Amino acid sequence: MAEETARIKLPPKIAVVAPSGRGKTMSLRNFGSELGLINIEYKELPFADKFKHHALCQNWGQAYNKLIEYAQAPDIQAIGLDSFSMYLDSLMMDARKTKKGFDVFNYYNENIANLLNTIKRCPKPVIMFAHPEWVQDDGGMKERRIAVKGKEFEGAVEKHFSTVVYADVEINPLNPKERKYKFILNSDGTNSAKCPPHYFGEEVNEIPNDCKYLLDTILSK
């Protein structure tokens, strides 16, 4: 009988994608001191701050260094990066201040690659928030993808993440105050959502807007 091969399970890397106002940051509300939050958005949380490790970062360099630090901290079990979009804005501002000509995007692309590779190889789960943009493929089809300036990473950020969910909200037309925040797990052809089917089942396409529930479910499989 052939020997069974042990299953290799890497720490999950999750991207949560949505425009502002869809509950991305709010989805962290059920985490406690086990999460290290890198807040390059430099904004107040929409819930009581329960995080022992909460870094308000003023630029991409500070955020990157915190990612390295949190990856090594023994009391941090998971890392949140809020957000990739602000990280890119800060990086591009730095590139335009310090570089000229083609070196601007060379510097920009090199440091995007460094971030994504560092996340991919991080020994802990990482949850990264990002804004979407519409990307057109060679066949003229449009799809929402994680937004990034330039062509090198356009439509390609998702490959660094095992799970990509889209945050959305349903508003009751009869009662606008009644809102249902949710995560979309699978692509409908207009977005880049993806989630391995053994996490929630092939028939499940939506779950509550809750990163703790999402991560705990993934880790339990």
N, C-alpha and C. Protein backbone atom coordinates (compact mmCIF):
# COMPACT_ATOMS: atom_id res chain seq x y z
N MET A 1 0.85 -1.20 0.00
CA MET A 1 0.00 0.00 0.00
C MET A 1 0.88 1.25 0.00
N ALA A 2 0.57 2.15 -0.86
CA ALA A 2 1.36 3.37 -0.93
C ALA A 2 1.17 4.19 0.33
N GLU A 3 2.26 4.80 0.78
CA GLU A 3 2.17 5.63 1.97
C GLU A 3 1.37 6.89 1.66
N GLU A 4 0.55 7.30 2.63
CA GLU A 4 -0.21 8.52 2.46
C GLU A 4 0.71 9.73 2.62
N THR A 5 0.52 10.69 1.75
CA THR A 5 1.32 11.91 1.83
C THR A 5 0.66 12.89 2.79
N ALA A 6 1.44 13.39 3.73
CA ALA A 6 0.90 14.34 4.71
C ALA A 6 0.46 15.62 3.98
N ARG A 7 -0.69 16.12 4.37
CA ARG A 7 -1.22 17.32 3.74
C ARG A 7 -0.44 18.54 4.21
N ILE A 8 -0.01 19.35 3.27
CA ILE A 8 0.69 20.58 3.59
C ILE A 8 -0.35 21.68 3.75
N LYS A 9 -0.39 22.29 4.91
CA LYS A 9 -1.36 23.36 5.17
C LYS A 9 -0.60 24.64 5.52
N LEU A 10 -0.68 25.62 4.63
CA LEU A 10 -0.01 26.88 4.84
C LEU A 10 -0.94 27.87 5.53
N PRO A 11 -0.40 28.84 6.24
CA PRO A 11 -1.25 29.86 6.87
C PRO A 11 -2.06 30.58 5.80
N PRO A 12 -3.37 30.68 5.96
CA PRO A 12 -4.21 31.29 4.92
C PRO A 12 -3.89 32.76 4.71
N LYS A 13 -3.99 33.17 3.47
CA LYS A 13 -3.85 34.58 3.09
C LYS A 13 -5.17 35.00 2.46
N ILE A 14 -5.81 35.98 3.06
CA ILE A 14 -7.16 36.39 2.68
C ILE A 14 -7.17 37.84 2.23
N ALA A 15 -7.81 38.11 1.11
CA ALA A 15 -8.04 39.48 0.66
C ALA A 15 -9.53 39.78 0.75
N VAL A 16 -9.86 40.89 1.37
CA VAL A 16 -11.24 41.36 1.47
C VAL A 16 -11.35 42.60 0.60
N VAL A 17 -12.19 42.54 -0.42
CA VAL A 17 -12.24 43.58 -1.44
C VAL A 17 -13.60 44.26 -1.46
N ALA A 18 -13.61 45.58 -1.53
CA ALA A 18 -14.87 46.33 -1.64
C ALA A 18 -14.57 47.82 -1.66
N PRO A 19 -15.47 48.61 -2.23
CA PRO A 19 -15.36 50.06 -2.10
C PRO A 19 -15.60 50.47 -0.64
N SER A 20 -15.36 51.73 -0.35
CA SER A 20 -15.62 52.24 1.00
C SER A 20 -17.09 52.09 1.35
N GLY A 21 -17.36 51.86 2.64
CA GLY A 21 -18.73 51.81 3.11
C GLY A 21 -19.39 50.45 3.04
N ARG A 22 -18.64 49.42 2.69
CA ARG A 22 -19.22 48.07 2.59
C ARG A 22 -18.91 47.20 3.81
N GLY A 23 -18.26 47.78 4.83
CA GLY A 23 -18.04 47.04 6.07
C GLY A 23 -16.74 46.27 6.14
N LYS A 24 -15.73 46.67 5.37
CA LYS A 24 -14.46 45.92 5.39
C LYS A 24 -13.82 45.96 6.78
N THR A 25 -13.56 47.15 7.28
CA THR A 25 -12.93 47.26 8.59
C THR A 25 -13.82 46.71 9.70
N MET A 26 -15.12 46.93 9.58
CA MET A 26 -16.06 46.44 10.59
C MET A 26 -16.01 44.93 10.72
N SER A 27 -15.58 44.24 9.67
CA SER A 27 -15.53 42.78 9.70
C SER A 27 -14.48 42.24 10.67
N LEU A 28 -13.63 43.12 11.22
CA LEU A 28 -12.62 42.70 12.21
C LEU A 28 -13.15 42.77 13.64
N ARG A 29 -14.40 43.16 13.82
CA ARG A 29 -14.94 43.48 15.13
C ARG A 29 -14.87 42.35 16.15
N ASN A 30 -14.86 41.10 15.71
CA ASN A 30 -14.89 39.98 16.65
C ASN A 30 -13.50 39.44 17.00
N PHE A 31 -12.46 40.06 16.46
CA PHE A 31 -11.11 39.72 16.89
C PHE A 31 -10.80 40.43 18.20
N GLY A 32 -9.83 39.88 18.94
CA GLY A 32 -9.34 40.51 20.16
C GLY A 32 -7.84 40.70 20.08
N SER A 33 -7.17 40.42 21.17
CA SER A 33 -5.73 40.68 21.27
C SER A 33 -4.89 39.75 20.39
N GLU A 34 -5.53 38.71 19.83
CA GLU A 34 -4.77 37.79 18.98
C GLU A 34 -4.44 38.37 17.62
N LEU A 35 -5.09 39.48 17.25
CA LEU A 35 -4.86 40.11 15.95
C LEU A 35 -3.91 41.28 16.07
N GLY A 36 -2.95 41.35 15.18
CA GLY A 36 -2.10 42.52 15.04
C GLY A 36 -2.60 43.34 13.86
N LEU A 37 -3.09 44.55 14.12
CA LEU A 37 -3.68 45.37 13.06
C LEU A 37 -2.71 46.44 12.60
N ILE A 38 -2.45 46.46 11.30
CA ILE A 38 -1.62 47.49 10.67
C ILE A 38 -2.57 48.48 10.01
N ASN A 39 -2.71 49.65 10.58
CA ASN A 39 -3.71 50.62 10.17
C ASN A 39 -3.04 51.77 9.41
N ILE A 40 -2.74 51.54 8.13
CA ILE A 40 -2.14 52.60 7.32
C ILE A 40 -3.21 53.55 6.81
N GLU A 41 -4.48 53.17 6.93
CA GLU A 41 -5.56 54.12 6.65
C GLU A 41 -5.56 55.26 7.67
N TYR A 42 -4.94 55.00 8.82
CA TYR A 42 -4.81 56.00 9.89
C TYR A 42 -6.19 56.56 10.27
N LYS A 43 -7.12 55.63 10.50
CA LYS A 43 -8.48 56.06 10.82
C LYS A 43 -8.97 55.36 12.08
N GLU A 44 -9.94 55.99 12.72
CA GLU A 44 -10.55 55.41 13.91
C GLU A 44 -11.36 54.19 13.52
N LEU A 45 -11.32 53.17 14.37
CA LEU A 45 -12.07 51.96 14.09
C LEU A 45 -13.56 52.19 14.32
N PRO A 46 -14.43 51.49 13.58
CA PRO A 46 -15.87 51.65 13.75
C PRO A 46 -16.44 50.80 14.88
N PHE A 47 -15.58 50.34 15.77
CA PHE A 47 -15.99 49.55 16.93
C PHE A 47 -14.95 49.77 18.03
N ALA A 48 -15.23 49.32 19.23
CA ALA A 48 -14.31 49.49 20.35
C ALA A 48 -12.98 48.80 20.04
N ASP A 49 -11.89 49.52 20.23
CA ASP A 49 -10.56 48.98 19.92
C ASP A 49 -10.14 47.99 21.00
N LYS A 50 -10.12 46.70 20.62
CA LYS A 50 -9.76 45.64 21.57
C LYS A 50 -8.35 45.09 21.31
N PHE A 51 -7.63 45.73 20.39
CA PHE A 51 -6.37 45.16 19.94
C PHE A 51 -5.19 45.61 20.80
N LYS A 52 -4.46 44.65 21.30
CA LYS A 52 -3.23 44.94 22.03
C LYS A 52 -2.17 45.48 21.07
N HIS A 53 -2.19 44.96 19.86
CA HIS A 53 -1.24 45.38 18.83
C HIS A 53 -2.01 46.10 17.72
N HIS A 54 -1.95 47.42 17.72
CA HIS A 54 -2.65 48.23 16.72
C HIS A 54 -1.70 49.34 16.31
N ALA A 55 -1.12 49.21 15.12
CA ALA A 55 -0.12 50.16 14.64
C ALA A 55 -0.74 51.16 13.69
N LEU A 56 -0.75 52.44 14.08
CA LEU A 56 -1.16 53.51 13.18
C LEU A 56 0.06 53.93 12.38
N CYS A 57 0.07 53.59 11.10
CA CYS A 57 1.24 53.81 10.25
C CYS A 57 1.01 55.00 9.32
N GLN A 58 1.98 55.89 9.24
CA GLN A 58 1.83 57.10 8.44
C GLN A 58 2.31 56.92 7.00
N ASN A 59 3.00 55.81 6.71
CA ASN A 59 3.46 55.58 5.34
C ASN A 59 3.68 54.09 5.12
N TRP A 60 3.92 53.75 3.85
CA TRP A 60 4.05 52.34 3.47
C TRP A 60 5.25 51.68 4.14
N GLY A 61 6.34 52.44 4.36
CA GLY A 61 7.53 51.86 4.98
C GLY A 61 7.26 51.41 6.41
N GLN A 62 6.56 52.25 7.17
CA GLN A 62 6.19 51.87 8.53
C GLN A 62 5.30 50.63 8.53
N ALA A 63 4.37 50.58 7.58
CA ALA A 63 3.46 49.44 7.51
C ALA A 63 4.22 48.15 7.18
N TYR A 64 5.16 48.24 6.25
CA TYR A 64 5.94 47.05 5.87
C TYR A 64 6.76 46.55 7.06
N ASN A 65 7.37 47.47 7.78
CA ASN A 65 8.18 47.08 8.94
C ASN A 65 7.31 46.45 10.03
N LYS A 66 6.09 46.94 10.19
CA LYS A 66 5.19 46.34 11.17
C LYS A 66 4.77 44.94 10.77
N LEU A 67 4.61 44.72 9.47
CA LEU A 67 4.29 43.38 8.98
C LEU A 67 5.39 42.40 9.38
N ILE A 68 6.63 42.80 9.20
CA ILE A 68 7.76 41.95 9.59
C ILE A 68 7.76 41.72 11.10
N GLU A 69 7.53 42.80 11.85
CA GLU A 69 7.52 42.70 13.32
C GLU A 69 6.40 41.79 13.81
N TYR A 70 5.20 41.98 13.28
CA TYR A 70 4.06 41.18 13.72
C TYR A 70 4.22 39.71 13.32
N ALA A 71 4.87 39.46 12.21
CA ALA A 71 5.10 38.08 11.78
C ALA A 71 5.96 37.32 12.78
N GLN A 72 6.79 38.06 13.53
CA GLN A 72 7.72 37.44 14.48
C GLN A 72 7.22 37.48 15.92
N ALA A 73 6.18 38.27 16.20
CA ALA A 73 5.70 38.42 17.57
C ALA A 73 4.96 37.17 18.03
N PRO A 74 5.39 36.54 19.13
CA PRO A 74 4.81 35.26 19.55
C PRO A 74 3.35 35.36 20.00
N ASP A 75 2.89 36.52 20.45
CA ASP A 75 1.52 36.62 20.96
C ASP A 75 0.53 37.10 19.91
N ILE A 76 0.98 37.25 18.67
CA ILE A 76 0.08 37.62 17.58
C ILE A 76 -0.18 36.38 16.73
N GLN A 77 -1.46 36.05 16.55
CA GLN A 77 -1.82 34.85 15.81
C GLN A 77 -2.23 35.13 14.37
N ALA A 78 -2.65 36.34 14.10
CA ALA A 78 -3.06 36.73 12.75
C ALA A 78 -2.79 38.22 12.56
N ILE A 79 -2.64 38.63 11.30
CA ILE A 79 -2.29 40.01 10.98
C ILE A 79 -3.33 40.59 10.03
N GLY A 80 -3.76 41.83 10.31
CA GLY A 80 -4.65 42.55 9.42
C GLY A 80 -3.95 43.75 8.81
N LEU A 81 -4.10 43.96 7.52
CA LEU A 81 -3.52 45.12 6.83
C LEU A 81 -4.65 45.95 6.22
N ASP A 82 -4.84 47.14 6.76
CA ASP A 82 -5.92 48.03 6.32
C ASP A 82 -5.31 49.37 5.90
N SER A 83 -5.03 49.59 4.61
CA SER A 83 -5.41 48.72 3.52
C SER A 83 -4.30 48.70 2.46
N PHE A 84 -4.40 47.74 1.57
CA PHE A 84 -3.49 47.65 0.42
C PHE A 84 -3.58 48.91 -0.43
N SER A 85 -4.77 49.43 -0.58
CA SER A 85 -4.99 50.60 -1.42
C SER A 85 -4.24 51.82 -0.88
N MET A 86 -4.32 52.07 0.43
CA MET A 86 -3.60 53.19 1.01
C MET A 86 -2.09 52.94 0.99
N TYR A 87 -1.70 51.69 1.15
CA TYR A 87 -0.28 51.31 1.05
C TYR A 87 0.26 51.72 -0.32
N LEU A 88 -0.51 51.42 -1.38
CA LEU A 88 -0.07 51.76 -2.73
C LEU A 88 -0.02 53.27 -2.94
N ASP A 89 -1.00 53.99 -2.40
CA ASP A 89 -1.00 55.45 -2.54
C ASP A 89 0.25 56.05 -1.90
N SER A 90 0.59 55.57 -0.71
CA SER A 90 1.78 56.06 -0.01
C SER A 90 3.05 55.70 -0.76
N LEU A 91 3.09 54.48 -1.29
CA LEU A 91 4.25 54.03 -2.05
C LEU A 91 4.44 54.86 -3.31
N MET A 92 3.36 55.13 -4.04
CA MET A 92 3.47 55.92 -5.26
C MET A 92 3.91 57.36 -4.94
N MET A 93 3.41 57.92 -3.87
CA MET A 93 3.83 59.26 -3.47
C MET A 93 5.33 59.31 -3.19
N ASP A 94 5.80 58.28 -2.50
CA ASP A 94 7.23 58.18 -2.20
C ASP A 94 8.05 58.01 -3.48
N ALA A 95 7.56 57.16 -4.39
CA ALA A 95 8.27 56.92 -5.64
C ALA A 95 8.39 58.20 -6.46
N ARG A 96 7.32 58.99 -6.52
CA ARG A 96 7.35 60.22 -7.31
C ARG A 96 8.22 61.30 -6.68
N LYS A 97 8.38 61.23 -5.34
CA LYS A 97 9.23 62.21 -4.67
C LYS A 97 10.71 61.87 -4.81
N THR A 98 11.03 60.59 -4.85
CA THR A 98 12.43 60.18 -4.77
C THR A 98 13.02 59.65 -6.07
N LYS A 99 12.16 59.36 -7.08
CA LYS A 99 12.64 58.77 -8.33
C LYS A 99 12.21 59.62 -9.51
N LYS A 100 12.80 59.34 -10.66
CA LYS A 100 12.46 60.06 -11.89
C LYS A 100 12.28 59.08 -13.03
N GLY A 101 11.46 59.48 -14.02
CA GLY A 101 11.30 58.69 -15.23
C GLY A 101 10.82 57.28 -14.96
N PHE A 102 11.43 56.31 -15.66
CA PHE A 102 11.03 54.92 -15.52
C PHE A 102 11.29 54.37 -14.12
N ASP A 103 12.20 55.02 -13.39
CA ASP A 103 12.53 54.53 -12.05
C ASP A 103 11.35 54.66 -11.08
N VAL A 104 10.40 55.57 -11.40
CA VAL A 104 9.24 55.71 -10.53
C VAL A 104 8.47 54.40 -10.46
N PHE A 105 8.12 53.85 -11.62
CA PHE A 105 7.34 52.61 -11.62
C PHE A 105 8.20 51.39 -11.33
N ASN A 106 9.49 51.44 -11.63
CA ASN A 106 10.38 50.34 -11.24
C ASN A 106 10.40 50.20 -9.71
N TYR A 107 10.53 51.33 -9.03
CA TYR A 107 10.54 51.36 -7.57
C TYR A 107 9.19 50.91 -7.01
N TYR A 108 8.12 51.42 -7.62
CA TYR A 108 6.76 51.09 -7.21
C TYR A 108 6.49 49.59 -7.36
N ASN A 109 6.79 49.04 -8.53
CA ASN A 109 6.54 47.62 -8.77
C ASN A 109 7.40 46.72 -7.90
N GLU A 110 8.65 47.12 -7.70
CA GLU A 110 9.56 46.31 -6.88
C GLU A 110 9.04 46.20 -5.45
N ASN A 111 8.52 47.30 -4.92
CA ASN A 111 8.05 47.26 -3.54
C ASN A 111 6.67 46.65 -3.39
N ILE A 112 5.86 46.67 -4.44
CA ILE A 112 4.62 45.87 -4.42
C ILE A 112 4.97 44.39 -4.36
N ALA A 113 5.93 43.99 -5.20
CA ALA A 113 6.35 42.58 -5.22
C ALA A 113 6.89 42.16 -3.86
N ASN A 114 7.68 43.04 -3.22
CA ASN A 114 8.23 42.73 -1.90
C ASN A 114 7.11 42.52 -0.88
N LEU A 115 6.09 43.39 -0.91
CA LEU A 115 4.98 43.25 0.03
C LEU A 115 4.23 41.94 -0.19
N LEU A 116 3.85 41.67 -1.44
CA LEU A 116 3.06 40.48 -1.72
C LEU A 116 3.83 39.20 -1.41
N ASN A 117 5.12 39.18 -1.70
CA ASN A 117 5.92 38.00 -1.39
C ASN A 117 6.09 37.83 0.12
N THR A 118 6.20 38.95 0.84
CA THR A 118 6.32 38.88 2.30
C THR A 118 5.01 38.35 2.89
N ILE A 119 3.88 38.82 2.39
CA ILE A 119 2.58 38.30 2.86
C ILE A 119 2.46 36.82 2.55
N LYS A 120 2.82 36.44 1.34
CA LYS A 120 2.68 35.05 0.91
C LYS A 120 3.50 34.10 1.77
N ARG A 121 4.66 34.55 2.21
CA ARG A 121 5.56 33.70 2.99
C ARG A 121 5.46 33.94 4.50
N CYS A 122 4.54 34.78 4.90
CA CYS A 122 4.35 35.05 6.33
C CYS A 122 3.91 33.78 7.04
N PRO A 123 4.49 33.47 8.20
CA PRO A 123 4.13 32.24 8.91
C PRO A 123 2.80 32.31 9.64
N LYS A 124 2.06 33.40 9.47
CA LYS A 124 0.78 33.58 10.14
C LYS A 124 -0.29 33.95 9.12
N PRO A 125 -1.55 33.74 9.44
CA PRO A 125 -2.61 34.21 8.56
C PRO A 125 -2.56 35.73 8.40
N VAL A 126 -2.82 36.18 7.19
CA VAL A 126 -2.86 37.61 6.90
C VAL A 126 -4.19 37.93 6.23
N ILE A 127 -4.85 38.97 6.72
CA ILE A 127 -6.09 39.47 6.12
C ILE A 127 -5.81 40.87 5.59
N MET A 128 -5.92 41.04 4.30
CA MET A 128 -5.61 42.33 3.67
C MET A 128 -6.86 42.92 3.04
N PHE A 129 -7.12 44.18 3.32
CA PHE A 129 -8.26 44.88 2.73
C PHE A 129 -7.80 45.65 1.50
N ALA A 130 -8.68 45.73 0.50
CA ALA A 130 -8.32 46.41 -0.74
C ALA A 130 -9.56 46.94 -1.44
N HIS A 131 -9.37 47.96 -2.27
CA HIS A 131 -10.45 48.48 -3.11
C HIS A 131 -10.39 47.83 -4.48
N PRO A 132 -11.52 47.74 -5.18
CA PRO A 132 -11.54 47.13 -6.50
C PRO A 132 -11.46 48.16 -7.62
N GLU A 133 -11.14 47.68 -8.81
CA GLU A 133 -11.24 48.47 -10.03
C GLU A 133 -11.71 47.54 -11.14
N TRP A 134 -12.27 48.12 -12.20
CA TRP A 134 -12.70 47.33 -13.35
C TRP A 134 -11.51 47.12 -14.28
N VAL A 135 -11.23 45.86 -14.62
CA VAL A 135 -10.13 45.50 -15.51
C VAL A 135 -10.70 44.78 -16.73
N GLN A 136 -10.23 45.14 -17.90
CA GLN A 136 -10.70 44.53 -19.14
C GLN A 136 -9.66 43.55 -19.66
N ASP A 137 -10.09 42.31 -19.97
CA ASP A 137 -9.15 41.33 -20.49
C ASP A 137 -9.01 41.46 -22.00
N ASP A 138 -8.20 40.58 -22.60
CA ASP A 138 -7.93 40.66 -24.04
C ASP A 138 -9.18 40.43 -24.87
N GLY A 139 -10.18 39.76 -24.31
CA GLY A 139 -11.41 39.50 -25.04
C GLY A 139 -12.45 40.58 -24.87
N GLY A 140 -12.09 41.64 -24.14
CA GLY A 140 -13.02 42.75 -23.94
C GLY A 140 -13.95 42.59 -22.76
N MET A 141 -13.82 41.48 -22.00
CA MET A 141 -14.65 41.27 -20.82
C MET A 141 -14.11 42.06 -19.64
N LYS A 142 -15.02 42.64 -18.85
CA LYS A 142 -14.62 43.42 -17.69
C LYS A 142 -14.90 42.67 -16.40
N GLU A 143 -14.00 42.83 -15.45
CA GLU A 143 -14.12 42.15 -14.17
C GLU A 143 -13.54 43.05 -13.08
N ARG A 144 -14.17 43.04 -11.91
CA ARG A 144 -13.61 43.77 -10.78
C ARG A 144 -12.43 43.01 -10.21
N ARG A 145 -11.34 43.72 -10.07
CA ARG A 145 -10.10 43.16 -9.53
C ARG A 145 -9.55 44.10 -8.47
N ILE A 146 -8.59 43.62 -7.67
CA ILE A 146 -7.93 44.48 -6.70
C ILE A 146 -7.20 45.59 -7.44
N ALA A 147 -7.48 46.83 -7.05
CA ALA A 147 -6.95 47.99 -7.76
C ALA A 147 -5.45 48.15 -7.51
N VAL A 148 -4.73 48.44 -8.58
CA VAL A 148 -3.29 48.72 -8.50
C VAL A 148 -2.91 49.55 -9.72
N LYS A 149 -2.08 50.57 -9.51
CA LYS A 149 -1.65 51.42 -10.63
C LYS A 149 -0.63 50.67 -11.48
N GLY A 150 -0.62 50.94 -12.78
CA GLY A 150 0.36 50.31 -13.65
C GLY A 150 -0.11 48.96 -14.15
N LYS A 151 0.62 48.42 -15.12
CA LYS A 151 0.21 47.19 -15.80
C LYS A 151 0.83 45.92 -15.22
N GLU A 152 1.95 46.04 -14.52
CA GLU A 152 2.65 44.82 -14.10
C GLU A 152 1.82 43.95 -13.16
N PHE A 153 1.07 44.58 -12.26
CA PHE A 153 0.27 43.81 -11.30
C PHE A 153 -1.22 43.92 -11.56
N GLU A 154 -1.62 44.59 -12.63
CA GLU A 154 -3.03 44.76 -12.93
C GLU A 154 -3.71 43.40 -13.12
N GLY A 155 -4.69 43.13 -12.30
CA GLY A 155 -5.42 41.87 -12.39
C GLY A 155 -4.67 40.66 -11.87
N ALA A 156 -3.52 40.89 -11.21
CA ALA A 156 -2.68 39.76 -10.82
C ALA A 156 -2.42 39.68 -9.32
N VAL A 157 -2.95 40.60 -8.54
CA VAL A 157 -2.70 40.58 -7.09
C VAL A 157 -3.34 39.37 -6.44
N GLU A 158 -4.51 38.96 -6.95
CA GLU A 158 -5.28 37.88 -6.32
C GLU A 158 -4.53 36.56 -6.26
N LYS A 159 -3.61 36.33 -7.16
CA LYS A 159 -2.92 35.04 -7.18
C LYS A 159 -2.08 34.80 -5.93
N HIS A 160 -1.80 35.85 -5.20
CA HIS A 160 -1.01 35.73 -3.97
C HIS A 160 -1.86 35.35 -2.76
N PHE A 161 -3.17 35.23 -2.95
CA PHE A 161 -4.08 34.97 -1.84
C PHE A 161 -4.87 33.69 -2.09
N SER A 162 -4.99 32.88 -1.06
CA SER A 162 -5.74 31.63 -1.19
C SER A 162 -7.24 31.87 -1.21
N THR A 163 -7.68 32.95 -0.57
CA THR A 163 -9.10 33.28 -0.51
C THR A 163 -9.28 34.77 -0.78
N VAL A 164 -10.21 35.09 -1.67
CA VAL A 164 -10.56 36.48 -1.96
C VAL A 164 -12.07 36.61 -1.82
N VAL A 165 -12.52 37.45 -0.90
CA VAL A 165 -13.95 37.65 -0.72
C VAL A 165 -14.30 39.11 -1.02
N TYR A 166 -15.51 39.31 -1.51
CA TYR A 166 -16.00 40.67 -1.78
C TYR A 166 -17.03 41.04 -0.72
N ALA A 167 -16.79 42.14 -0.04
CA ALA A 167 -17.74 42.63 0.95
C ALA A 167 -18.85 43.40 0.24
N ASP A 168 -20.08 43.17 0.70
CA ASP A 168 -21.21 43.86 0.08
C ASP A 168 -22.28 44.09 1.14
N VAL A 169 -23.26 44.91 0.80
CA VAL A 169 -24.34 45.22 1.73
C VAL A 169 -25.66 45.24 0.97
N GLU A 170 -26.68 44.62 1.56
CA GLU A 170 -28.04 44.66 1.02
C GLU A 170 -28.85 45.61 1.86
N ILE A 171 -29.52 46.56 1.21
CA ILE A 171 -30.35 47.54 1.91
C ILE A 171 -31.81 47.25 1.61
N ASN A 172 -32.59 47.13 2.65
CA ASN A 172 -34.02 46.88 2.49
C ASN A 172 -34.67 48.14 1.89
N PRO A 173 -35.24 48.05 0.68
CA PRO A 173 -35.82 49.24 0.05
C PRO A 173 -37.00 49.82 0.84
N LEU A 174 -37.64 48.99 1.67
CA LEU A 174 -38.77 49.46 2.46
C LEU A 174 -38.33 50.08 3.79
N ASN A 175 -37.07 49.76 4.17
CA ASN A 175 -36.52 50.30 5.42
C ASN A 175 -35.01 50.47 5.24
N PRO A 176 -34.58 51.64 4.74
CA PRO A 176 -33.15 51.86 4.43
C PRO A 176 -32.22 51.66 5.62
N LYS A 177 -32.74 51.72 6.83
CA LYS A 177 -31.89 51.51 8.00
C LYS A 177 -31.60 50.02 8.22
N GLU A 178 -32.35 49.17 7.55
CA GLU A 178 -32.17 47.72 7.69
C GLU A 178 -31.15 47.25 6.64
N ARG A 179 -29.99 46.88 7.11
CA ARG A 179 -28.90 46.51 6.20
C ARG A 179 -28.31 45.15 6.57
N LYS A 180 -27.96 44.40 5.55
CA LYS A 180 -27.34 43.10 5.74
C LYS A 180 -25.95 43.13 5.10
N TYR A 181 -24.92 43.09 5.95
CA TYR A 181 -23.54 43.08 5.46
C TYR A 181 -23.09 41.64 5.28
N LYS A 182 -22.39 41.37 4.19
CA LYS A 182 -22.04 39.99 3.87
C LYS A 182 -20.73 39.92 3.09
N PHE A 183 -20.17 38.70 3.01
CA PHE A 183 -19.03 38.39 2.16
C PHE A 183 -19.51 37.50 1.02
N ILE A 184 -19.12 37.82 -0.19
CA ILE A 184 -19.38 36.97 -1.36
C ILE A 184 -18.14 36.10 -1.58
N LEU A 185 -18.34 34.79 -1.66
CA LEU A 185 -17.22 33.85 -1.67
C LEU A 185 -16.73 33.46 -3.06
N ASN A 186 -17.62 33.49 -4.04
CA ASN A 186 -17.27 32.97 -5.36
C ASN A 186 -17.60 33.97 -6.45
N SER A 187 -16.82 33.94 -7.51
CA SER A 187 -17.01 34.87 -8.61
C SER A 187 -18.32 34.61 -9.33
N ASP A 188 -18.98 35.71 -9.69
CA ASP A 188 -20.18 35.61 -10.52
C ASP A 188 -19.88 36.02 -11.96
N GLY A 189 -18.60 36.11 -12.29
CA GLY A 189 -18.18 36.51 -13.61
C GLY A 189 -17.85 37.98 -13.72
N THR A 190 -18.19 38.75 -12.67
CA THR A 190 -17.88 40.18 -12.68
C THR A 190 -16.92 40.57 -11.57
N ASN A 191 -16.46 39.59 -10.79
CA ASN A 191 -15.49 39.88 -9.73
C ASN A 191 -14.49 38.74 -9.61
N SER A 192 -13.46 38.96 -8.83
CA SER A 192 -12.38 37.98 -8.71
C SER A 192 -12.46 37.17 -7.42
N ALA A 193 -13.66 37.08 -6.83
CA ALA A 193 -13.83 36.30 -5.60
C ALA A 193 -13.46 34.84 -5.83
N LYS A 194 -12.86 34.23 -4.81
CA LYS A 194 -12.53 32.80 -4.87
C LYS A 194 -12.41 32.27 -3.45
N CYS A 195 -12.90 31.07 -3.23
CA CYS A 195 -12.82 30.43 -1.93
C CYS A 195 -12.82 28.93 -2.13
N PRO A 196 -11.80 28.21 -1.67
CA PRO A 196 -11.80 26.75 -1.82
C PRO A 196 -13.11 26.14 -1.32
N PRO A 197 -13.77 25.31 -2.10
CA PRO A 197 -15.12 24.83 -1.76
C PRO A 197 -15.19 24.01 -0.49
N HIS A 198 -14.08 23.39 -0.05
CA HIS A 198 -14.17 22.57 1.16
C HIS A 198 -14.26 23.40 2.44
N TYR A 199 -14.09 24.71 2.35
CA TYR A 199 -14.22 25.55 3.55
C TYR A 199 -15.68 25.67 3.99
N PHE A 200 -16.57 26.00 3.07
CA PHE A 200 -17.97 26.24 3.41
C PHE A 200 -18.94 25.35 2.64
N GLY A 201 -18.44 24.62 1.65
CA GLY A 201 -19.30 23.81 0.81
C GLY A 201 -19.54 24.48 -0.52
N GLU A 202 -19.66 23.68 -1.56
CA GLU A 202 -19.81 24.22 -2.91
C GLU A 202 -21.09 25.03 -3.08
N GLU A 203 -22.12 24.72 -2.29
CA GLU A 203 -23.41 25.38 -2.46
C GLU A 203 -23.48 26.75 -1.77
N VAL A 204 -22.49 27.06 -0.93
CA VAL A 204 -22.51 28.31 -0.16
C VAL A 204 -21.77 29.40 -0.92
N ASN A 205 -22.45 30.51 -1.16
CA ASN A 205 -21.83 31.62 -1.88
C ASN A 205 -21.73 32.89 -1.04
N GLU A 206 -22.45 32.93 0.09
CA GLU A 206 -22.41 34.11 0.95
C GLU A 206 -22.28 33.68 2.40
N ILE A 207 -21.54 34.46 3.18
CA ILE A 207 -21.43 34.25 4.62
C ILE A 207 -21.54 35.62 5.30
N PRO A 208 -21.75 35.65 6.61
CA PRO A 208 -21.79 36.94 7.31
C PRO A 208 -20.47 37.70 7.17
N ASN A 209 -20.56 39.01 7.25
CA ASN A 209 -19.39 39.89 7.19
C ASN A 209 -18.64 39.78 8.52
N ASP A 210 -17.75 38.80 8.61
CA ASP A 210 -17.07 38.52 9.88
C ASP A 210 -15.75 37.81 9.58
N CYS A 211 -14.66 38.54 9.66
CA CYS A 211 -13.35 37.96 9.34
C CYS A 211 -12.92 36.91 10.35
N LYS A 212 -13.35 37.04 11.59
CA LYS A 212 -13.01 36.04 12.61
C LYS A 212 -13.68 34.72 12.26
N TYR A 213 -14.95 34.77 11.91
CA TYR A 213 -15.67 33.55 11.50
C TYR A 213 -15.04 32.97 10.24
N LEU A 214 -14.70 33.81 9.29
CA LEU A 214 -14.07 33.34 8.05
C LEU A 214 -12.76 32.64 8.33
N LEU A 215 -11.89 33.27 9.11
CA LEU A 215 -10.58 32.70 9.40
C LEU A 215 -10.70 31.44 10.24
N ASP A 216 -11.53 31.45 11.27
CA ASP A 216 -11.69 30.27 12.14
C ASP A 216 -12.19 29.08 11.33
N THR A 217 -13.10 29.32 10.40
CA THR A 217 -13.61 28.22 9.57
C THR A 217 -12.50 27.64 8.70
N ILE A 218 -11.71 28.52 8.08
CA ILE A 218 -10.61 28.07 7.24
C ILE A 218 -9.60 27.26 8.05
N LEU A 219 -9.25 27.74 9.24
CA LEU A 219 -8.27 27.06 10.06
C LEU A 219 -8.76 25.72 10.59
N SER A 220 -10.08 25.56 10.67
CA SER A 220 -10.65 24.31 11.22
C SER A 220 -10.67 23.18 10.19
N LYS A 221 -10.43 23.50 8.93
CA LYS A 221 -10.52 22.49 7.88
C LYS A 221 -9.20 21.76 7.70
